[in-house]
C-alpha atoms as a PDB file:
ATOM      1  CA  MET A   1      24.278  -4.346 -17.910  1.00  0.00           C
ATOM      2  CA  ARG A   2      25.154  -5.334 -15.089  1.00  0.00           C
ATOM      3  CA  LEU A   3      22.669  -3.441 -11.873  1.00  0.00           C
ATOM      4  CA  ASP A   4      25.294  -1.762  -9.885  1.00  0.00           C
ATOM      5  CA  LYS A   5      26.927  -0.420 -13.086  1.00  0.00           C
ATOM      6  CA  PHE A   6      23.677   1.044 -14.115  1.00  0.00           C
ATOM      7  CA  LEU A   7      22.906   2.493 -10.794  1.00  0.00           C
ATOM      8  CA  LYS A   8      26.473   4.487 -11.134  1.00  0.00           C
ATOM      9  CA  VAL A   9      26.054   5.212 -14.721  1.00  0.00           C
ATOM     10  CA  SER A  10      22.396   6.441 -13.974  1.00  0.00           C
ATOM     11  CA  ARG A  11      23.630   8.639 -11.098  1.00  0.00           C
ATOM     12  CA  LEU A  12      21.050   6.820  -8.997  1.00  0.00           C
ATOM     13  CA  ILE A  13      23.769   6.055  -6.763  1.00  0.00           C
ATOM     14  CA  LYS A  14      27.388   7.789  -6.676  1.00  0.00           C
ATOM     15  CA  ARG A  15      29.823   4.720  -6.586  1.00  0.00           C
ATOM     16  CA  ARG A  16      29.421   1.470  -7.673  1.00  0.00           C
ATOM     17  CA  SER A  17      30.790   0.010  -5.038  1.00  0.00           C
ATOM     18  CA  VAL A  18      28.174   1.514  -2.511  1.00  0.00           C
ATOM     19  CA  ALA A  19      25.451   0.133  -5.493  1.00  0.00           C
ATOM     20  CA  ALA A  20      26.707  -3.387  -4.720  1.00  0.00           C
ATOM     21  CA  ASP A  21      26.622  -2.802  -1.023  1.00  0.00           C
ATOM     22  CA  ALA A  22      22.858  -1.747  -1.317  1.00  0.00           C
ATOM     23  CA  CYS A  23      22.309  -4.366  -3.875  1.00  0.00           C
ATOM     24  CA  SER A  24      23.655  -6.986  -1.277  1.00  0.00           C
ATOM     25  CA  ALA A  25      21.725  -5.442   1.826  1.00  0.00           C
ATOM     26  CA  SER A  26      18.665  -6.149   0.199  1.00  0.00           C
ATOM     27  CA  ARG A  27      17.914  -2.480  -0.391  1.00  0.00           C
ATOM     28  CA  VAL A  28      17.439  -2.661  -4.246  1.00  0.00           C
ATOM     29  CA  LEU A  29      14.756  -4.523  -5.909  1.00  0.00           C
ATOM     30  CA  LEU A  30      14.408  -5.221  -9.516  1.00  0.00           C
ATOM     31  CA  ASN A  31      11.133  -5.407 -11.112  1.00  0.00           C
ATOM     32  CA  GLY A  32       9.674  -6.362  -7.207  1.00  0.00           C
ATOM     33  CA  LYS A  33      12.081  -8.694  -6.175  1.00  0.00           C
ATOM     34  CA  GLU A  34      15.678  -8.586  -4.136  1.00  0.00           C
ATOM     35  CA  ALA A  35      18.303  -8.196  -6.843  1.00  0.00           C
ATOM     36  CA  LYS A  36      22.095  -9.003  -6.557  1.00  0.00           C
ATOM     37  CA  PRO A  37      24.508  -6.646  -7.966  1.00  0.00           C
ATOM     38  CA  SER A  38      25.269  -8.868 -10.928  1.00  0.00           C
ATOM     39  CA  LYS A  39      21.495  -9.039 -12.193  1.00  0.00           C
ATOM     40  CA  GLU A  40      21.094  -8.146 -15.625  1.00  0.00           C
ATOM     41  CA  VAL A  41      19.095  -4.640 -16.359  1.00  0.00           C
ATOM     42  CA  ARG A  42      17.181  -4.017 -19.808  1.00  0.00           C
ATOM     43  CA  GLU A  43      14.995  -1.000 -20.856  1.00  0.00           C
ATOM     44  CA  GLY A  44      11.519  -1.488 -18.941  1.00  0.00           C
ATOM     45  CA  ASP A  45      12.521  -2.774 -15.599  1.00  0.00           C
ATOM     46  CA  VAL A  46      11.594  -1.388 -12.834  1.00  0.00           C
ATOM     47  CA  ILE A  47      14.168  -0.598  -9.709  1.00  0.00           C
ATOM     48  CA  GLU A  48      13.181   0.522  -6.450  1.00  0.00           C
ATOM     49  CA  ILE A  49      16.001   1.571  -4.439  1.00  0.00           C
ATOM     50  CA  VAL A  50      14.782   1.879  -0.336  1.00  0.00           C
ATOM     51  CA  TYR A  51      16.464   4.773   1.359  1.00  0.00           C
ATOM     52  CA  GLY A  52      16.029   5.509   5.467  1.00  0.00           C
ATOM     53  CA  LYS A  53      12.145   6.023   5.411  1.00  0.00           C
ATOM     54  CA  GLY A  54      11.292   6.366   1.684  1.00  0.00           C
ATOM     55  CA  SER A  55      11.768   4.449  -1.655  1.00  0.00           C
ATOM     56  CA  LEU A  56      12.455   5.497  -4.993  1.00  0.00           C
ATOM     57  CA  ARG A  57      10.769   3.768  -7.993  1.00  0.00           C
ATOM     58  CA  VAL A  58      12.190   4.100 -11.820  1.00  0.00           C
ATOM     59  CA  ARG A  59      11.488   2.373 -14.802  1.00  0.00           C
ATOM     60  CA  VAL A  60      14.706   1.841 -16.802  1.00  0.00           C
ATOM     61  CA  THR A  61      14.217   3.739 -20.430  1.00  0.00           C
ATOM     62  CA  ASN A  62      17.872   3.335 -21.805  1.00  0.00           C
ATOM     63  CA  VAL A  63      20.733   1.246 -21.241  1.00  0.00           C
ATOM     64  CA  VAL A  64      24.337   2.747 -22.020  1.00  0.00           C
ATOM     65  CA  GLU A  65      27.572   1.932 -20.858  1.00  0.00           C
ATOM     66  CA  VAL A  66      28.873   5.502 -20.407  1.00  0.00           C
ATOM     67  CA  THR A  67      26.914   8.993 -20.185  1.00  0.00           C
ATOM     68  CA  LYS A  68      27.605  12.355 -19.173  1.00  0.00           C
ATOM     69  CA  LYS A  69      26.572  13.827 -15.846  1.00  0.00           C
ATOM     70  CA  GLU A  70      23.697  15.979 -17.886  1.00  0.00           C
ATOM     71  CA  SER A  71      22.294  13.479 -19.670  1.00  0.00           C
ATOM     72  CA  ALA A  72      22.187  10.535 -16.878  1.00  0.00           C
ATOM     73  CA  ALA A  73      18.781  11.102 -16.060  1.00  0.00           C
ATOM     74  CA  GLU A  74      17.498  10.265 -19.523  1.00  0.00           C
ATOM     75  CA  LEU A  75      18.456   6.943 -18.816  1.00  0.00           C
ATOM     76  CA  TYR A  76      15.121   6.355 -16.457  1.00  0.00           C
ATOM     77  CA  GLU A  77      11.959   7.821 -15.533  1.00  0.00           C
ATOM     78  CA  VAL A  78      10.077   8.000 -12.016  1.00  0.00           C
ATOM     79  CA  VAL A  79       7.318   5.989 -11.737  1.00  0.00           C
ATOM     80  CA  ASP A  80       4.864   6.079  -8.358  1.00  0.00           C
END
């Protein structure tokens, strides 16, 4: 699955266009490297999203095309 779509489906970022913009602005890292919105995401990958003063690192646990809001958090686990 594309990185921008995964960020939207998992609800880490609210809209796909915002996710694509964040990737293009080098604010999203995939396995420690800057990633384009079209980069493929697989289970076990580590995604880091850099916000204003902080960041969020998560490990992908599941990749699905569609999920409900209640189960979106099951697609990843937060890592320190």
